[in-house]
Each structure stands twice: as C-alpha cells, then as structure tokens.
Protein backbone atom coordinates (compact mmCIF):
# COMPACT_ATOMS: atom_id res chain seq x y z
CA MET A 1 121.69 123.72 104.28
CA SER A 2 120.12 122.97 107.59
CA SER A 3 118.88 119.53 108.57
CA GLY A 4 115.41 121.02 109.21
CA ALA A 5 114.76 121.72 105.52
CA ALA A 6 111.16 122.22 104.57
CA VAL A 7 109.36 119.00 103.66
CA PRO A 8 105.78 118.60 102.51
CA PHE A 9 103.44 118.11 105.45
CA TRP A 10 102.16 114.79 104.05
CA ARG A 11 105.74 113.49 104.08
CA ALA A 12 106.31 114.81 107.61
CA ALA A 13 103.15 112.94 108.68
CA GLY A 14 104.62 109.69 107.33
CA MET A 15 102.25 109.46 104.35
CA THR A 16 102.93 108.86 100.68
CA TYR A 17 101.72 111.34 98.12
CA ILE A 18 99.29 108.75 96.74
CA SER A 19 97.64 108.19 100.12
CA TYR A 20 97.47 111.97 100.70
CA SER A 21 95.88 112.59 97.29
CA ASN A 22 93.37 109.75 97.84
CA ILE A 23 92.27 111.28 101.15
CA CYS A 24 91.89 114.70 99.51
CA ALA A 25 89.90 113.23 96.62
CA ASN A 26 87.54 111.40 98.99
CA LEU A 27 86.98 114.58 101.02
CA LEU A 28 86.22 116.55 97.86
CA ARG A 29 83.78 113.92 96.54
CA ASN A 30 81.93 113.90 99.87
CA CYS A 31 81.57 117.71 99.81
CA LEU A 32 79.86 117.78 96.41
CA LYS A 33 76.11 118.31 96.08
CA GLU A 34 73.85 116.04 94.06
CA PRO A 35 73.88 115.18 91.14
CA PHE A 36 77.64 115.87 91.00
CA LYS A 37 78.37 113.71 94.03
CA SER A 38 76.80 110.55 92.57
CA GLU A 39 78.57 111.16 89.23
CA ALA A 40 81.94 111.52 90.95
CA LEU A 41 81.37 108.41 93.07
CA ALA A 42 80.45 106.43 89.94
CA ARG A 43 83.79 107.40 88.31
CA GLU A 44 85.62 106.16 91.39
CA LYS A 45 84.95 102.48 90.62
CA VAL A 46 87.84 100.39 89.35
CA HIS A 47 87.55 97.45 86.95
CA PHE A 48 90.45 95.19 85.99
CA SER A 49 91.14 91.67 84.81
CA VAL A 50 93.52 89.11 86.30
CA SER A 51 95.13 86.27 84.35
CA LYS A 52 97.19 83.45 85.80
CA TRP A 53 100.06 82.19 83.70
CA VAL A 54 100.83 78.48 83.46
CA ASP A 55 103.75 77.14 81.41
CA GLY A 56 104.24 80.56 79.78
CA LYS A 57 100.62 80.83 78.59
CA PRO A 58 97.87 83.01 80.05
CA GLN A 59 94.80 81.27 81.41
CA LYS A 60 91.28 82.64 81.05
CA PRO A 61 91.16 86.12 82.64
CA THR A 62 88.74 86.92 85.43
CA VAL A 63 87.20 90.38 85.60
CA ARG A 64 87.24 92.06 89.00
CA SER A 65 85.52 95.19 90.20
CA ASP A 66 86.83 96.83 93.32
CA THR A 67 85.67 100.05 94.86
CA PRO A 68 87.78 102.04 97.30
CA GLU A 69 86.93 101.72 100.95
CA ALA A 70 84.69 104.37 102.44
C-alpha cells in the first residue's frame, strides 16, 4: 500500500468525527424552515446531573442544563 492512502477529509483536516458531525448537524438545523427549525433547536438542549462523592458516598446531585455554543 502507498503512504498516501485515502483518509476521510475530516481526519485530513485534523478534526475528530464527533466535531465534524456536530458541525454538520448545526448547519442542517440552521437550514430548516419554521416550525421545524425551532423543534430541532429545542431537541439540541442537554440536561444532566452532577454528584460529588465524599467518603465513598454521593452528595446531593445538582442539575445542569447546557446548550451547545452557537
């Protein structure tokens, strides 16, 4: 095989597949017309809880809501 084997363009650009797919998803969401655009943006929100552990026991969890950067 040659050393110039075909690689995905996102890899050749120094990106990970996750970052590439996030960029593509954001572009697609921004191209949608209403009401589909607002529905897709609402599904983009992320909610999670964080618990600190002290002496092997979880403390009270805190709920966080983060939205991806625009």
